[in-house]
Structure formats: structure tokens, C-alpha cells
Amino acid sequence: MTTPEQSSENKPRGGWLRKAFGPMGLAVFGGILIGMVGVFASGGVLEATSTNEFCTSCHEMNDFVKPSYEASAHFSNASG
């Protein structure tokens, strides 16, 4: 007859992810999650840095450069 301590030692450890996908399940799931966060974060950064206010915080836009910039494809591009 087995004691409760002996029977619990034989049970596989890990949560539903490990049971469903094996020992690498957690690593794969974590990698996918980190990738999704990276994609959404990069979209937010691109949105924030695509404004003229952001660019002119470092670059000077004087009377000589501004007409040239407004005539270029960078100014008329809808996506920045």
C-alpha cells in the first residue's frame, strides 16, 4: 500500500501549459507573448515619433529648409 507522500511524488508537475504542449510550452508561449507586446509597442513608438513637433525638437526648421521640406515626399506622405 502506498502512502499519500509516495503517490504525490509520481504525479507530473507543471500547469496546463506544460501538460498541453510539453516542457517547451512555457517557452514558446512566453516568446509569442513577448513578440506581441513588441509589435504593439513599436506601433505606439512610431505613432509618437511621426509628428513634425517631434522632429523639430532636434532639427532646426528655418526659412531656407522649410520650403524644401514641404515640397518633398516626406511632408506629403500620409503615414509620415
N, C-alpha and C. Protein backbone atom coordinates (compact mmCIF):
# COMPACT_ATOMS: atom_id res chain seq x y z
N MET A 1 0.84 -1.16 0.00
CA MET A 1 0.00 0.00 0.00
C MET A 1 0.90 1.24 0.00
N THR A 2 0.51 2.24 -0.80
CA THR A 2 1.32 3.46 -0.89
C THR A 2 0.76 4.53 0.03
N THR A 3 1.66 5.34 0.52
CA THR A 3 1.25 6.45 1.37
C THR A 3 0.97 7.67 0.48
N PRO A 4 0.26 8.68 0.97
CA PRO A 4 -0.02 9.87 0.15
C PRO A 4 1.25 10.57 -0.33
N GLU A 5 2.31 10.53 0.46
CA GLU A 5 3.55 11.18 0.04
C GLU A 5 4.15 10.47 -1.17
N GLN A 6 4.08 9.15 -1.21
CA GLN A 6 4.64 8.40 -2.33
C GLN A 6 3.83 8.62 -3.60
N SER A 7 2.53 8.67 -3.51
CA SER A 7 1.71 8.82 -4.71
C SER A 7 1.84 10.23 -5.30
N SER A 8 2.05 11.26 -4.47
CA SER A 8 2.19 12.61 -5.00
C SER A 8 3.54 12.80 -5.69
N GLU A 9 4.54 12.02 -5.34
CA GLU A 9 5.85 12.12 -5.99
C GLU A 9 5.80 11.63 -7.43
N ASN A 10 4.90 10.76 -7.75
CA ASN A 10 4.82 10.19 -9.08
C ASN A 10 3.98 11.04 -10.04
N LYS A 11 3.28 12.03 -9.52
CA LYS A 11 2.44 12.87 -10.37
C LYS A 11 3.31 13.84 -11.16
N PRO A 12 2.96 14.07 -12.44
CA PRO A 12 3.74 15.05 -13.21
C PRO A 12 3.48 16.45 -12.70
N ARG A 13 4.53 17.24 -12.65
CA ARG A 13 4.42 18.60 -12.16
C ARG A 13 4.28 19.57 -13.33
N GLY A 14 3.69 20.70 -13.08
CA GLY A 14 3.51 21.71 -14.11
C GLY A 14 2.05 22.02 -14.29
N GLY A 15 1.78 23.15 -14.92
CA GLY A 15 0.41 23.59 -15.13
C GLY A 15 -0.16 23.06 -16.42
N TRP A 16 -1.25 23.66 -16.82
CA TRP A 16 -1.95 23.21 -18.02
C TRP A 16 -1.11 23.41 -19.27
N LEU A 17 -0.27 24.43 -19.29
CA LEU A 17 0.55 24.70 -20.46
C LEU A 17 1.58 23.60 -20.68
N ARG A 18 2.19 23.18 -19.61
CA ARG A 18 3.17 22.10 -19.72
C ARG A 18 2.49 20.80 -20.10
N LYS A 19 1.30 20.56 -19.57
CA LYS A 19 0.57 19.34 -19.91
C LYS A 19 0.12 19.36 -21.37
N ALA A 20 -0.28 20.53 -21.85
CA ALA A 20 -0.78 20.62 -23.21
C ALA A 20 0.32 20.60 -24.26
N PHE A 21 1.44 21.29 -24.00
CA PHE A 21 2.47 21.46 -25.03
C PHE A 21 3.81 20.82 -24.69
N GLY A 22 3.93 20.23 -23.56
CA GLY A 22 5.19 19.61 -23.18
C GLY A 22 6.09 20.59 -22.47
N PRO A 23 7.33 20.20 -22.24
CA PRO A 23 8.23 21.04 -21.45
C PRO A 23 8.58 22.37 -22.11
N MET A 24 8.49 22.47 -23.42
CA MET A 24 8.83 23.72 -24.11
C MET A 24 7.63 24.64 -24.26
N GLY A 25 6.46 24.23 -23.79
CA GLY A 25 5.25 25.02 -23.96
C GLY A 25 5.34 26.39 -23.35
N LEU A 26 5.89 26.48 -22.16
CA LEU A 26 6.00 27.77 -21.49
C LEU A 26 6.95 28.70 -22.25
N ALA A 27 8.03 28.18 -22.76
CA ALA A 27 8.99 28.99 -23.51
C ALA A 27 8.36 29.51 -24.81
N VAL A 28 7.64 28.67 -25.50
CA VAL A 28 7.00 29.07 -26.76
C VAL A 28 5.92 30.11 -26.48
N PHE A 29 5.11 29.86 -25.49
CA PHE A 29 4.05 30.81 -25.13
C PHE A 29 4.64 32.14 -24.69
N GLY A 30 5.69 32.12 -23.90
CA GLY A 30 6.35 33.35 -23.47
C GLY A 30 6.95 34.12 -24.63
N GLY A 31 7.55 33.40 -25.58
CA GLY A 31 8.12 34.06 -26.76
C GLY A 31 7.06 34.72 -27.61
N ILE A 32 5.93 34.06 -27.78
CA ILE A 32 4.83 34.64 -28.55
C ILE A 32 4.30 35.88 -27.84
N LEU A 33 4.15 35.80 -26.54
CA LEU A 33 3.64 36.93 -25.77
C LEU A 33 4.59 38.13 -25.85
N ILE A 34 5.87 37.89 -25.70
CA ILE A 34 6.86 38.97 -25.80
C ILE A 34 6.87 39.57 -27.21
N GLY A 35 6.73 38.74 -28.23
CA GLY A 35 6.66 39.23 -29.60
C GLY A 35 5.46 40.12 -29.86
N MET A 36 4.31 39.73 -29.32
CA MET A 36 3.10 40.54 -29.49
C MET A 36 3.23 41.89 -28.80
N VAL A 37 3.78 41.89 -27.60
CA VAL A 37 4.00 43.15 -26.88
C VAL A 37 4.95 44.04 -27.67
N GLY A 38 5.99 43.47 -28.24
CA GLY A 38 6.95 44.24 -29.04
C GLY A 38 6.32 44.85 -30.27
N VAL A 39 5.45 44.12 -30.95
CA VAL A 39 4.79 44.65 -32.15
C VAL A 39 3.88 45.82 -31.79
N PHE A 40 3.09 45.66 -30.75
CA PHE A 40 2.19 46.74 -30.36
C PHE A 40 2.95 47.95 -29.82
N ALA A 41 4.02 47.72 -29.10
CA ALA A 41 4.82 48.82 -28.57
C ALA A 41 5.51 49.59 -29.69
N SER A 42 6.01 48.89 -30.70
CA SER A 42 6.68 49.58 -31.80
C SER A 42 5.70 50.43 -32.59
N GLY A 43 4.46 50.01 -32.70
CA GLY A 43 3.44 50.82 -33.36
C GLY A 43 3.19 52.12 -32.61
N GLY A 44 3.15 52.03 -31.30
CA GLY A 44 2.95 53.24 -30.49
C GLY A 44 4.12 54.20 -30.58
N VAL A 45 5.33 53.66 -30.60
CA VAL A 45 6.52 54.50 -30.73
C VAL A 45 6.54 55.17 -32.10
N LEU A 46 6.21 54.44 -33.14
CA LEU A 46 6.18 55.02 -34.49
C LEU A 46 5.14 56.13 -34.58
N GLU A 47 3.99 55.94 -33.97
CA GLU A 47 2.94 56.97 -33.96
C GLU A 47 3.42 58.23 -33.25
N ALA A 48 4.10 58.05 -32.13
CA ALA A 48 4.55 59.21 -31.34
C ALA A 48 5.68 59.97 -32.01
N THR A 49 6.51 59.30 -32.79
CA THR A 49 7.67 59.95 -33.39
C THR A 49 7.44 60.40 -34.83
N SER A 50 6.24 60.31 -35.33
CA SER A 50 5.95 60.69 -36.72
C SER A 50 5.36 62.09 -36.84
N THR A 51 5.55 62.91 -35.86
CA THR A 51 5.00 64.26 -35.91
C THR A 51 6.09 65.28 -36.18
N ASN A 52 5.69 66.40 -36.76
CA ASN A 52 6.65 67.48 -37.01
C ASN A 52 7.18 68.05 -35.71
N GLU A 53 6.36 68.07 -34.67
CA GLU A 53 6.81 68.58 -33.38
C GLU A 53 7.96 67.75 -32.82
N PHE A 54 7.89 66.45 -33.00
CA PHE A 54 8.96 65.58 -32.52
C PHE A 54 10.25 65.83 -33.31
N CYS A 55 10.13 65.92 -34.62
CA CYS A 55 11.32 66.11 -35.46
C CYS A 55 11.99 67.46 -35.18
N THR A 56 11.16 68.49 -35.04
CA THR A 56 11.73 69.82 -34.84
C THR A 56 12.21 70.05 -33.42
N SER A 57 12.03 69.09 -32.54
CA SER A 57 12.62 69.22 -31.20
C SER A 57 14.14 69.08 -31.26
N CYS A 58 14.66 68.45 -32.31
CA CYS A 58 16.11 68.33 -32.51
C CYS A 58 16.57 69.07 -33.77
N HIS A 59 15.80 68.98 -34.85
CA HIS A 59 16.19 69.56 -36.13
C HIS A 59 15.63 70.97 -36.26
N GLU A 60 16.46 71.87 -36.72
CA GLU A 60 16.03 73.25 -36.90
C GLU A 60 15.31 73.38 -38.24
N MET A 61 14.18 74.06 -38.24
CA MET A 61 13.40 74.23 -39.45
C MET A 61 13.34 75.72 -39.76
N ASN A 62 14.40 76.25 -40.40
CA ASN A 62 14.44 77.68 -40.69
C ASN A 62 13.78 77.99 -42.04
N ASP A 63 13.80 79.24 -42.43
CA ASP A 63 13.11 79.66 -43.65
C ASP A 63 13.71 79.05 -44.91
N PHE A 64 14.97 78.65 -44.88
CA PHE A 64 15.60 78.06 -46.05
C PHE A 64 15.22 76.58 -46.20
N VAL A 65 15.12 75.85 -45.10
CA VAL A 65 14.88 74.41 -45.15
C VAL A 65 13.39 74.08 -45.27
N LYS A 66 12.54 74.86 -44.64
CA LYS A 66 11.11 74.54 -44.58
C LYS A 66 10.46 74.43 -45.96
N PRO A 67 10.67 75.36 -46.92
CA PRO A 67 10.05 75.19 -48.25
C PRO A 67 10.52 73.93 -48.97
N SER A 68 11.78 73.59 -48.81
CA SER A 68 12.31 72.37 -49.44
C SER A 68 11.68 71.12 -48.82
N TYR A 69 11.53 71.14 -47.51
CA TYR A 69 10.90 70.01 -46.82
C TYR A 69 9.44 69.86 -47.22
N GLU A 70 8.71 70.97 -47.29
CA GLU A 70 7.29 70.89 -47.64
C GLU A 70 7.07 70.45 -49.08
N ALA A 71 8.06 70.62 -49.95
CA ALA A 71 7.94 70.18 -51.34
C ALA A 71 8.35 68.71 -51.51
N SER A 72 8.95 68.12 -50.48
CA SER A 72 9.44 66.74 -50.60
C SER A 72 8.33 65.71 -50.30
N ALA A 73 8.65 64.48 -50.58
CA ALA A 73 7.71 63.39 -50.33
C ALA A 73 7.53 63.12 -48.85
N HIS A 74 8.47 63.51 -48.01
CA HIS A 74 8.37 63.29 -46.58
C HIS A 74 7.22 64.09 -45.96
N PHE A 75 7.00 65.31 -46.48
CA PHE A 75 5.96 66.16 -45.93
C PHE A 75 4.57 65.70 -46.39
N SER A 76 4.46 65.29 -47.66
CA SER A 76 3.15 64.94 -48.22
C SER A 76 2.78 63.47 -47.99
N ASN A 77 3.65 62.69 -47.39
CA ASN A 77 3.37 61.29 -47.12
C ASN A 77 2.36 61.18 -45.98
N ALA A 78 1.25 60.51 -46.21
CA ALA A 78 0.19 60.42 -45.20
C ALA A 78 0.61 59.63 -43.97
N SER A 79 1.50 58.68 -44.13
CA SER A 79 1.90 57.85 -42.98
C SER A 79 3.14 58.40 -42.28
N GLY A 80 3.66 59.50 -42.70
CA GLY A 80 4.83 60.08 -42.04
C GLY A 80 6.07 59.67 -42.72
